[in-house]
Amino acid sequence: MIQATTKDRFKKAVECLVDEAGPIKERMLIAYASQLSSIDPMVELPPEMIEEFEGIQISIGQDQVPGDKGNAASQLVKLSDTETMEIAKTVFSLFCRLHGIE
């Protein structure tokens, strides 16, 4: 069973992506650093979502240095806005699936 805190972190991450002012990379960094970076996908996510979440971690560089927000910032700078938007879409997709929204 998915923990309420995991669902809440995804909700807050989506709120950061939608409500925060600024460029997509900045909003993604806020969403990731404040909400998603502490999620342990092997423990907190259903098996069918682990690979997608790990894809986010790899894109942001967290697979190499868990919990290092500075690494996430340096990786996001290297991504295009389009690549960052694709990560944001994945975050939103995972949020919807966790909450049973189609």
PDB file of N, CA and C in Angstrom:
ATOM      1  N   MET A   1       0.833  -1.186   0.000  1.00  0.00           N
ATOM      2  CA  MET A   1       0.000   0.000   0.000  1.00  0.00           C
ATOM      3  C   MET A   1       0.881   1.253   0.000  1.00  0.00           C
ATOM      4  N   ILE A   2       0.475   2.229  -0.788  1.00  0.00           N
ATOM      5  CA  ILE A   2       1.226   3.473  -0.904  1.00  0.00           C
ATOM      6  C   ILE A   2       0.977   4.327   0.336  1.00  0.00           C
ATOM      7  N   GLN A   3       2.035   4.865   0.895  1.00  0.00           N
ATOM      8  CA  GLN A   3       1.912   5.724   2.066  1.00  0.00           C
ATOM      9  C   GLN A   3       1.291   7.059   1.682  1.00  0.00           C
ATOM     10  N   ALA A   4       0.489   7.604   2.583  1.00  0.00           N
ATOM     11  CA  ALA A   4      -0.128   8.909   2.347  1.00  0.00           C
ATOM     12  C   ALA A   4       0.936   9.983   2.153  1.00  0.00           C
ATOM     13  N   THR A   5       2.063   9.845   2.843  1.00  0.00           N
ATOM     14  CA  THR A   5       3.110  10.855   2.704  1.00  0.00           C
ATOM     15  C   THR A   5       3.704  10.860   1.297  1.00  0.00           C
ATOM     16  N   THR A   6       3.786   9.709   0.670  1.00  0.00           N
ATOM     17  CA  THR A   6       4.296   9.643  -0.702  1.00  0.00           C
ATOM     18  C   THR A   6       3.331  10.339  -1.649  1.00  0.00           C
ATOM     19  N   LYS A   7       2.052  10.054  -1.496  1.00  0.00           N
ATOM     20  CA  LYS A   7       1.044  10.727  -2.324  1.00  0.00           C
ATOM     21  C   LYS A   7       1.094  12.233  -2.107  1.00  0.00           C
ATOM     22  N   ASP A   8       1.237  12.640  -0.854  1.00  0.00           N
ATOM     23  CA  ASP A   8       1.280  14.060  -0.525  1.00  0.00           C
ATOM     24  C   ASP A   8       2.514  14.728  -1.124  1.00  0.00           C
ATOM     25  N   ARG A   9       3.648  14.039  -1.114  1.00  0.00           N
ATOM     26  CA  ARG A   9       4.861  14.618  -1.704  1.00  0.00           C
ATOM     27  C   ARG A   9       4.700  14.819  -3.211  1.00  0.00           C
ATOM     28  N   PHE A  10       4.066  13.847  -3.879  1.00  0.00           N
ATOM     29  CA  PHE A  10       3.810  14.021  -5.313  1.00  0.00           C
ATOM     30  C   PHE A  10       2.844  15.175  -5.555  1.00  0.00           C
ATOM     31  N   LYS A  11       1.830  15.296  -4.710  1.00  0.00           N
ATOM     32  CA  LYS A  11       0.868  16.408  -4.836  1.00  0.00           C
ATOM     33  C   LYS A  11       1.596  17.742  -4.691  1.00  0.00           C
ATOM     34  N   LYS A  12       2.431  17.853  -3.677  1.00  0.00           N
ATOM     35  CA  LYS A  12       3.173  19.095  -3.453  1.00  0.00           C
ATOM     36  C   LYS A  12       4.167  19.362  -4.580  1.00  0.00           C
ATOM     37  N   ALA A  13       4.761  18.313  -5.134  1.00  0.00           N
ATOM     38  CA  ALA A  13       5.680  18.485  -6.261  1.00  0.00           C
ATOM     39  C   ALA A  13       4.945  19.042  -7.473  1.00  0.00           C
ATOM     40  N   VAL A  14       3.760  18.502  -7.753  1.00  0.00           N
ATOM     41  CA  VAL A  14       2.961  19.007  -8.876  1.00  0.00           C
ATOM     42  C   VAL A  14       2.553  20.453  -8.609  1.00  0.00           C
ATOM     43  N   GLU A  15       2.199  20.768  -7.375  1.00  0.00           N
ATOM     44  CA  GLU A  15       1.859  22.152  -7.032  1.00  0.00           C
ATOM     45  C   GLU A  15       3.043  23.077  -7.290  1.00  0.00           C
ATOM     46  N   CYS A  16       4.251  22.646  -6.955  1.00  0.00           N
ATOM     47  CA  CYS A  16       5.447  23.447  -7.240  1.00  0.00           C
ATOM     48  C   CYS A  16       5.594  23.684  -8.738  1.00  0.00           C
ATOM     49  N   LEU A  17       5.382  22.635  -9.511  1.00  0.00           N
ATOM     50  CA  LEU A  17       5.525  22.753 -10.964  1.00  0.00           C
ATOM     51  C   LEU A  17       4.497  23.699 -11.566  1.00  0.00           C
ATOM     52  N   VAL A  18       3.312  23.741 -10.974  1.00  0.00           N
ATOM     53  CA  VAL A  18       2.222  24.554 -11.520  1.00  0.00           C
ATOM     54  C   VAL A  18       2.192  25.952 -10.912  1.00  0.00           C
ATOM     55  N   ASP A  19       2.378  26.047  -9.607  1.00  0.00           N
ATOM     56  CA  ASP A  19       2.154  27.308  -8.894  1.00  0.00           C
ATOM     57  C   ASP A  19       3.368  28.216  -8.783  1.00  0.00           C
ATOM     58  N   GLU A  20       4.557  27.655  -8.761  1.00  0.00           N
ATOM     59  CA  GLU A  20       5.757  28.476  -8.593  1.00  0.00           C
ATOM     60  C   GLU A  20       5.992  29.328  -9.840  1.00  0.00           C
ATOM     61  N   ALA A  21       6.526  30.510  -9.617  1.00  0.00           N
ATOM     62  CA  ALA A  21       6.910  31.369 -10.736  1.00  0.00           C
ATOM     63  C   ALA A  21       8.302  30.950 -11.201  1.00  0.00           C
ATOM     64  N   GLY A  22       8.636  31.325 -12.412  1.00  0.00           N
ATOM     65  CA  GLY A  22       9.982  31.072 -12.893  1.00  0.00           C
ATOM     66  C   GLY A  22      10.040  30.021 -13.980  1.00  0.00           C
ATOM     67  N   PRO A  23      11.229  29.840 -14.527  1.00  0.00           N
ATOM     68  CA  PRO A  23      11.438  28.874 -15.606  1.00  0.00           C
ATOM     69  C   PRO A  23      11.192  27.435 -15.139  1.00  0.00           C
ATOM     70  N   ILE A  24      10.918  26.565 -16.088  1.00  0.00           N
ATOM     71  CA  ILE A  24      10.600  25.169 -15.787  1.00  0.00           C
ATOM     72  C   ILE A  24      11.736  24.482 -15.026  1.00  0.00           C
ATOM     73  N   LYS A  25      12.977  24.776 -15.368  1.00  0.00           N
ATOM     74  CA  LYS A  25      14.101  24.135 -14.674  1.00  0.00           C
ATOM     75  C   LYS A  25      14.119  24.516 -13.195  1.00  0.00           C
ATOM     76  N   GLU A  26      13.842  25.778 -12.912  1.00  0.00           N
ATOM     77  CA  GLU A  26      13.808  26.247 -11.525  1.00  0.00           C
ATOM     78  C   GLU A  26      12.664  25.581 -10.757  1.00  0.00           C
ATOM     79  N   ARG A  27      11.500  25.505 -11.382  1.00  0.00           N
ATOM     80  CA  ARG A  27      10.343  24.873 -10.739  1.00  0.00           C
ATOM     81  C   ARG A  27      10.586  23.383 -10.516  1.00  0.00           C
ATOM     82  N   MET A  28      11.236  22.729 -11.488  1.00  0.00           N
ATOM     83  CA  MET A  28      11.540  21.306 -11.334  1.00  0.00           C
ATOM     84  C   MET A  28      12.522  21.088 -10.188  1.00  0.00           C
ATOM     85  N   LEU A  29      13.525  21.945 -10.084  1.00  0.00           N
ATOM     86  CA  LEU A  29      14.485  21.817  -8.988  1.00  0.00           C
ATOM     87  C   LEU A  29      13.786  21.970  -7.639  1.00  0.00           C
ATOM     88  N   ILE A  30      12.892  22.946  -7.525  1.00  0.00           N
ATOM     89  CA  ILE A  30      12.146  23.142  -6.277  1.00  0.00           C
ATOM     90  C   ILE A  30      11.306  21.905  -5.976  1.00  0.00           C
ATOM     91  N   ALA A  31      10.592  21.412  -6.984  1.00  0.00           N
ATOM     92  CA  ALA A  31       9.732  20.233  -6.793  1.00  0.00           C
ATOM     93  C   ALA A  31      10.557  19.012  -6.399  1.00  0.00           C
ATOM     94  N   TYR A  32      11.669  18.822  -7.089  1.00  0.00           N
ATOM     95  CA  TYR A  32      12.482  17.634  -6.813  1.00  0.00           C
ATOM     96  C   TYR A  32      13.175  17.741  -5.455  1.00  0.00           C
ATOM     97  N   ALA A  33      13.844  18.862  -5.228  1.00  0.00           N
ATOM     98  CA  ALA A  33      14.619  19.003  -3.993  1.00  0.00           C
ATOM     99  C   ALA A  33      13.732  19.015  -2.756  1.00  0.00           C
ATOM    100  N   SER A  34      12.581  19.664  -2.845  1.00  0.00           N
ATOM    101  CA  SER A  34      11.742  19.800  -1.651  1.00  0.00           C
ATOM    102  C   SER A  34      10.818  18.614  -1.414  1.00  0.00           C
ATOM    103  N   GLN A  35      10.490  17.856  -2.460  1.00  0.00           N
ATOM    104  CA  GLN A  35       9.482  16.809  -2.298  1.00  0.00           C
ATOM    105  C   GLN A  35       9.926  15.421  -2.755  1.00  0.00           C
ATOM    106  N   LEU A  36      10.524  15.323  -3.914  1.00  0.00           N
ATOM    107  CA  LEU A  36      10.731  14.008  -4.524  1.00  0.00           C
ATOM    108  C   LEU A  36      12.068  13.352  -4.199  1.00  0.00           C
ATOM    109  N   SER A  37      13.069  14.150  -3.854  1.00  0.00           N
ATOM    110  CA  SER A  37      14.412  13.584  -3.666  1.00  0.00           C
ATOM    111  C   SER A  37      14.498  12.600  -2.507  1.00  0.00           C
ATOM    112  N   SER A  38      13.605  12.716  -1.548  1.00  0.00           N
ATOM    113  CA  SER A  38      13.677  11.822  -0.386  1.00  0.00           C
ATOM    114  C   SER A  38      12.848  10.551  -0.545  1.00  0.00           C
ATOM    115  N   ILE A  39      12.188  10.392  -1.682  1.00  0.00           N
ATOM    116  CA  ILE A  39      11.387   9.187  -1.911  1.00  0.00           C
ATOM    117  C   ILE A  39      12.305   8.017  -2.249  1.00  0.00           C
ATOM    118  N   ASP A  40      12.095   6.913  -1.565  1.00  0.00           N
ATOM    119  CA  ASP A  40      12.802   5.665  -1.875  1.00  0.00           C
ATOM    120  C   ASP A  40      11.851   4.835  -2.735  1.00  0.00           C
ATOM    121  N   PRO A  41      12.064   4.815  -4.050  1.00  0.00           N
ATOM    122  CA  PRO A  41      11.098   4.153  -4.928  1.00  0.00           C
ATOM    123  C   PRO A  41      10.901   2.671  -4.626  1.00  0.00           C
ATOM    124  N   MET A  42      11.946   1.996  -4.173  1.00  0.00           N
ATOM    125  CA  MET A  42      11.831   0.562  -3.892  1.00  0.00           C
ATOM    126  C   MET A  42      10.909   0.283  -2.709  1.00  0.00           C
ATOM    127  N   VAL A  43      10.759   1.250  -1.831  1.00  0.00           N
ATOM    128  CA  VAL A  43       9.939   1.087  -0.631  1.00  0.00           C
ATOM    129  C   VAL A  43       8.588   1.779  -0.774  1.00  0.00           C
ATOM    130  N   GLU A  44       8.578   2.946  -1.415  1.00  0.00           N
ATOM    131  CA  GLU A  44       7.402   3.809  -1.379  1.00  0.00           C
ATOM    132  C   GLU A  44       6.517   3.786  -2.626  1.00  0.00           C
ATOM    133  N   LEU A  45       6.972   3.170  -3.694  1.00  0.00           N
ATOM    134  CA  LEU A  45       6.182   3.170  -4.926  1.00  0.00           C
ATOM    135  C   LEU A  45       5.790   1.756  -5.325  1.00  0.00           C
ATOM    136  N   PRO A  46       4.658   1.638  -6.034  1.00  0.00           N
ATOM    137  CA  PRO A  46       4.289   0.321  -6.552  1.00  0.00           C
ATOM    138  C   PRO A  46       5.328  -0.136  -7.583  1.00  0.00           C
ATOM    139  N   PRO A  47       5.520  -1.435  -7.714  1.00  0.00           N
ATOM    140  CA  PRO A  47       6.547  -1.952  -8.632  1.00  0.00           C
ATOM    141  C   PRO A  47       6.452  -1.395 -10.053  1.00  0.00           C
ATOM    142  N   GLU A  48       5.240  -1.188 -10.544  1.00  0.00           N
ATOM    143  CA  GLU A  48       5.081  -0.714 -11.920  1.00  0.00           C
ATOM    144  C   GLU A  48       5.483   0.750 -12.106  1.00  0.00           C
ATOM    145  N   MET A  49       5.764   1.476 -11.036  1.00  0.00           N
ATOM    146  CA  MET A  49       6.154   2.885 -11.138  1.00  0.00           C
ATOM    147  C   MET A  49       7.632   3.118 -10.838  1.00  0.00           C
ATOM    148  N   ILE A  50       8.298   2.102 -10.350  1.00  0.00           N
ATOM    149  CA  ILE A  50       9.690   2.260  -9.919  1.00  0.00           C
ATOM    150  C   ILE A  50      10.592   2.677 -11.074  1.00  0.00           C
ATOM    151  N   GLU A  51      10.479   2.017 -12.200  1.00  0.00           N
ATOM    152  CA  GLU A  51      11.366   2.314 -13.330  1.00  0.00           C
ATOM    153  C   GLU A  51      11.202   3.756 -13.814  1.00  0.00           C
ATOM    154  N   GLU A  52       9.956   4.230 -13.884  1.00  0.00           N
ATOM    155  CA  GLU A  52       9.723   5.618 -14.312  1.00  0.00           C
ATOM    156  C   GLU A  52      10.331   6.611 -13.327  1.00  0.00           C
ATOM    157  N   PHE A  53      10.142   6.357 -12.036  1.00  0.00           N
ATOM    158  CA  PHE A  53      10.697   7.267 -11.036  1.00  0.00           C
ATOM    159  C   PHE A  53      12.220   7.233 -11.074  1.00  0.00           C
ATOM    160  N   GLU A  54      12.786   6.056 -11.236  1.00  0.00           N
ATOM    161  CA  GLU A  54      14.242   5.961 -11.344  1.00  0.00           C
ATOM    162  C   GLU A  54      14.743   6.697 -12.584  1.00  0.00           C
ATOM    163  N   GLY A  55      13.930   6.736 -13.646  1.00  0.00           N
ATOM    164  CA  GLY A  55      14.280   7.516 -14.831  1.00  0.00           C
ATOM    165  C   GLY A  55      14.402   9.000 -14.510  1.00  0.00           C
ATOM    166  N   ILE A  56      13.507   9.483 -13.643  1.00  0.00           N
ATOM    167  CA  ILE A  56      13.591  10.877 -13.189  1.00  0.00           C
ATOM    168  C   ILE A  56      14.896  11.074 -12.419  1.00  0.00           C
ATOM    169  N   GLN A  57      15.185  10.153 -11.509  1.00  0.00           N
ATOM    170  CA  GLN A  57      16.414  10.260 -10.716  1.00  0.00           C
ATOM    171  C   GLN A  57      17.655  10.266 -11.607  1.00  0.00           C
ATOM    172  N   ILE A  58      17.669   9.422 -12.617  1.00  0.00           N
ATOM    173  CA  ILE A  58      18.815   9.360 -13.532  1.00  0.00           C
ATOM    174  C   ILE A  58      18.937  10.662 -14.312  1.00  0.00           C
ATOM    175  N   SER A  59      17.818  11.177 -14.812  1.00  0.00           N
ATOM    176  CA  SER A  59      17.835  12.429 -15.575  1.00  0.00           C
ATOM    177  C   SER A  59      18.366  13.589 -14.745  1.00  0.00           C
ATOM    178  N   ILE A  60      18.038  13.577 -13.458  1.00  0.00           N
ATOM    179  CA  ILE A  60      18.434  14.676 -12.575  1.00  0.00           C
ATOM    180  C   ILE A  60      19.769  14.388 -11.891  1.00  0.00           C
ATOM    181  N   GLY A  61      20.308  13.200 -12.086  1.00  0.00           N
ATOM    182  CA  GLY A  61      21.615  12.872 -11.547  1.00  0.00           C
ATOM    183  C   GLY A  61      21.596  12.353 -10.124  1.00  0.00           C
ATOM    184  N   GLN A  62      20.424  12.087  -9.581  1.00  0.00           N
ATOM    185  CA  GLN A  62      20.333  11.627  -8.201  1.00  0.00           C
ATOM    186  C   GLN A  62      20.697  10.159  -8.044  1.00  0.00           C
ATOM    187  N   ASP A  63      20.745   9.424  -9.132  1.00  0.00           N
ATOM    188  CA  ASP A  63      21.159   8.028  -9.024  1.00  0.00           C
ATOM    189  C   ASP A  63      22.626   7.935  -8.614  1.00  0.00           C
ATOM    190  N   GLN A  64      23.381   8.990  -8.921  1.00  0.00           N
ATOM    191  CA  GLN A  64      24.809   8.985  -8.627  1.00  0.00           C
ATOM    192  C   GLN A  64      25.111   9.487  -7.215  1.00  0.00           C
ATOM    193  N   VAL A  65      24.371  10.502  -6.778  1.00  0.00           N
ATOM    194  CA  VAL A  65      24.624  11.117  -5.474  1.00  0.00           C
ATOM    195  C   VAL A  65      23.290  11.326  -4.765  1.00  0.00           C
ATOM    196  N   PRO A  66      22.743  10.285  -4.140  1.00  0.00           N
ATOM    197  CA  PRO A  66      21.431  10.411  -3.499  1.00  0.00           C
ATOM    198  C   PRO A  66      21.385  11.550  -2.493  1.00  0.00           C
ATOM    199  N   GLY A  67      20.329  12.352  -2.605  1.00  0.00           N
ATOM    200  CA  GLY A  67      20.110  13.431  -1.652  1.00  0.00           C
ATOM    201  C   GLY A  67      20.936  14.680  -1.891  1.00  0.00           C
ATOM    202  N   ASP A  68      21.779  14.699  -2.910  1.00  0.00           N
ATOM    203  CA  ASP A  68      22.631  15.853  -3.186  1.00  0.00           C
ATOM    204  C   ASP A  68      21.899  16.813  -4.105  1.00  0.00           C
ATOM    205  N   LYS A  69      21.252  17.821  -3.525  1.00  0.00           N
ATOM    206  CA  LYS A  69      20.476  18.772  -4.320  1.00  0.00           C
ATOM    207  C   LYS A  69      21.363  19.601  -5.239  1.00  0.00           C
ATOM    208  N   GLY A  70      22.613  19.840  -4.842  1.00  0.00           N
ATOM    209  CA  GLY A  70      23.525  20.572  -5.705  1.00  0.00           C
ATOM    210  C   GLY A  70      23.781  19.832  -7.000  1.00  0.00           C
ATOM    211  N   ASN A  71      23.847  18.510  -6.929  1.00  0.00           N
ATOM    212  CA  ASN A  71      24.023  17.701  -8.122  1.00  0.00           C
ATOM    213  C   ASN A  71      22.796  17.823  -9.024  1.00  0.00           C
ATOM    214  N   ALA A  72      21.609  17.830  -8.431  1.00  0.00           N
ATOM    215  CA  ALA A  72      20.379  17.977  -9.216  1.00  0.00           C
ATOM    216  C   ALA A  72      20.384  19.306  -9.951  1.00  0.00           C
ATOM    217  N   ALA A  73      20.793  20.359  -9.284  1.00  0.00           N
ATOM    218  CA  ALA A  73      20.829  21.679  -9.912  1.00  0.00           C
ATOM    219  C   ALA A  73      21.793  21.692 -11.090  1.00  0.00           C
ATOM    220  N   SER A  74      22.966  21.092 -10.920  1.00  0.00           N
ATOM    221  CA  SER A  74      23.942  21.094 -12.010  1.00  0.00           C
ATOM    222  C   SER A  74      23.474  20.240 -13.181  1.00  0.00           C
ATOM    223  N   GLN A  75      22.742  19.170 -12.913  1.00  0.00           N
ATOM    224  CA  GLN A  75      22.209  18.332 -13.995  1.00  0.00           C
ATOM    225  C   GLN A  75      21.086  19.045 -14.743  1.00  0.00           C
ATOM    226  N   LEU A  76      20.195  19.713 -14.006  1.00  0.00           N
ATOM    227  CA  LEU A  76      19.077  20.400 -14.655  1.00  0.00           C
ATOM    228  C   LEU A  76      19.563  21.504 -15.585  1.00  0.00           C
ATOM    229  N   VAL A  77      20.650  22.169 -15.239  1.00  0.00           N
ATOM    230  CA  VAL A  77      21.204  23.216 -16.096  1.00  0.00           C
ATOM    231  C   VAL A  77      21.580  22.638 -17.458  1.00  0.00           C
ATOM    232  N   LYS A  78      22.034  21.398 -17.473  1.00  0.00           N
ATOM    233  CA  LYS A  78      22.473  20.752 -18.718  1.00  0.00           C
ATOM    234  C   LYS A  78      21.308  20.318 -19.606  1.00  0.00           C
ATOM    235  N   LEU A  79      20.115  20.177 -19.025  1.00  0.00           N
ATOM    236  CA  LEU A  79      18.957  19.713 -19.793  1.00  0.00           C
ATOM    237  C   LEU A  79      18.312  20.864 -20.546  1.00  0.00           C
ATOM    238  N   SER A  80      17.680  20.539 -21.658  1.00  0.00           N
ATOM    239  CA  SER A  80      16.903  21.548 -22.375  1.00  0.00           C
ATOM    240  C   SER A  80      15.573  21.748 -21.653  1.00  0.00           C
ATOM    241  N   ASP A  81      14.889  22.840 -21.976  1.00  0.00           N
ATOM    242  CA  ASP A  81      13.558  23.059 -21.403  1.00  0.00           C
ATOM    243  C   ASP A  81      12.616  21.929 -21.804  1.00  0.00           C
ATOM    244  N   THR A  82      12.757  21.436 -23.029  1.00  0.00           N
ATOM    245  CA  THR A  82      11.908  20.338 -23.500  1.00  0.00           C
ATOM    246  C   THR A  82      12.156  19.075 -22.683  1.00  0.00           C
ATOM    247  N   GLU A  83      13.417  18.762 -22.422  1.00  0.00           N
ATOM    248  CA  GLU A  83      13.736  17.586 -21.599  1.00  0.00           C
ATOM    249  C   GLU A  83      13.181  17.745 -20.182  1.00  0.00           C
ATOM    250  N   THR A  84      13.296  18.945 -19.644  1.00  0.00           N
ATOM    251  CA  THR A  84      12.780  19.206 -18.298  1.00  0.00           C
ATOM    252  C   THR A  84      11.261  19.095 -18.276  1.00  0.00           C
ATOM    253  N   MET A  85      10.601  19.567 -19.326  1.00  0.00           N
ATOM    254  CA  MET A  85       9.138  19.440 -19.405  1.00  0.00           C
ATOM    255  C   MET A  85       8.721  17.973 -19.471  1.00  0.00           C
ATOM    256  N   GLU A  86       9.506  17.143 -20.138  1.00  0.00           N
ATOM    257  CA  GLU A  86       9.202  15.707 -20.188  1.00  0.00           C
ATOM    258  C   GLU A  86       9.297  15.080 -18.794  1.00  0.00           C
ATOM    259  N   ILE A  87      10.278  15.511 -18.018  1.00  0.00           N
ATOM    260  CA  ILE A  87      10.384  15.027 -16.638  1.00  0.00           C
ATOM    261  C   ILE A  87       9.162  15.480 -15.845  1.00  0.00           C
ATOM    262  N   ALA A  88       8.756  16.732 -16.030  1.00  0.00           N
ATOM    263  CA  ALA A  88       7.572  17.253 -15.333  1.00  0.00           C
ATOM    264  C   ALA A  88       6.326  16.455 -15.711  1.00  0.00           C
ATOM    265  N   LYS A  89       6.202  16.095 -16.974  1.00  0.00           N
ATOM    266  CA  LYS A  89       5.062  15.273 -17.409  1.00  0.00           C
ATOM    267  C   LYS A  89       5.084  13.907 -16.732  1.00  0.00           C
ATOM    268  N   THR A  90       6.266  13.343 -16.560  1.00  0.00           N
ATOM    269  CA  THR A  90       6.383  12.052 -15.874  1.00  0.00           C
ATOM    270  C   THR A  90       5.976  12.189 -14.413  1.00  0.00           C
ATOM    271  N   VAL A  91       6.396  13.267 -13.763  1.00  0.00           N
ATOM    272  CA  VAL A  91       5.988  13.517 -12.372  1.00  0.00           C
ATOM    273  C   VAL A  91       4.472  13.601 -12.293  1.00  0.00           C
ATOM    274  N   PHE A  92       3.858  14.340 -13.221  1.00  0.00           N
ATOM    275  CA  PHE A  92       2.402  14.480 -13.223  1.00  0.00           C
ATOM    276  C   PHE A  92       1.720  13.136 -13.483  1.00  0.00           C
ATOM    277  N   SER A  93       2.249  12.356 -14.398  1.00  0.00           N
ATOM    278  CA  SER A  93       1.687  11.039 -14.697  1.00  0.00           C
ATOM    279  C   SER A  93       1.738  10.130 -13.472  1.00  0.00           C
ATOM    280  N   LEU A  94       2.867  10.118 -12.778  1.00  0.00           N
ATOM    281  CA  LEU A  94       2.995   9.308 -11.566  1.00  0.00           C
ATOM    282  C   LEU A  94       2.025   9.794 -10.492  1.00  0.00           C
ATOM    283  N   PHE A  95       1.901  11.109 -10.349  1.00  0.00           N
ATOM    284  CA  PHE A  95       0.940  11.684  -9.402  1.00  0.00           C
ATOM    285  C   PHE A  95      -0.474  11.191  -9.700  1.00  0.00           C
ATOM    286  N   CYS A  96      -0.870  11.280 -10.961  1.00  0.00           N
ATOM    287  CA  CYS A  96      -2.224  10.854 -11.352  1.00  0.00           C
ATOM    288  C   CYS A  96      -2.446   9.377 -11.046  1.00  0.00           C
ATOM    289  N   ARG A  97      -1.491   8.555 -11.384  1.00  0.00           N
ATOM    290  CA  ARG A  97      -1.635   7.113 -11.146  1.00  0.00           C
ATOM    291  C   ARG A  97      -1.669   6.785  -9.657  1.00  0.00           C
ATOM    292  N   LEU A  98      -0.870   7.475  -8.860  1.00  0.00           N
ATOM    293  CA  LEU A  98      -0.889   7.248  -7.411  1.00  0.00           C
ATOM    294  C   LEU A  98      -2.239   7.607  -6.800  1.00  0.00           C
ATOM    295  N   HIS A  99      -2.895   8.598  -7.397  1.00  0.00           N
ATOM    296  CA  HIS A  99      -4.181   9.070  -6.884  1.00  0.00           C
ATOM    297  C   HIS A  99      -5.375   8.476  -7.631  1.00  0.00           C
ATOM    298  N   GLY A 100      -5.118   7.536  -8.526  1.00  0.00           N
ATOM    299  CA  GLY A 100      -6.204   6.880  -9.243  1.00  0.00           C
ATOM    300  C   GLY A 100      -6.915   7.773 -10.238  1.00  0.00           C
ATOM    301  N   ILE A 101      -6.196   8.755 -10.780  1.00  0.00           N
ATOM    302  CA  ILE A 101      -6.759   9.684 -11.767  1.00  0.00           C
ATOM    303  C   ILE A 101      -6.312   9.230 -13.151  1.00  0.00           C
ATOM    304  N   GLU A 102      -7.254   9.134 -14.058  1.00  0.00           N
ATOM    305  CA  GLU A 102      -6.899   8.725 -15.429  1.00  0.00           C
ATOM    306  C   GLU A 102      -6.799   9.898 -16.350  1.00  0.00           C
TER     307      GLU A 102
END
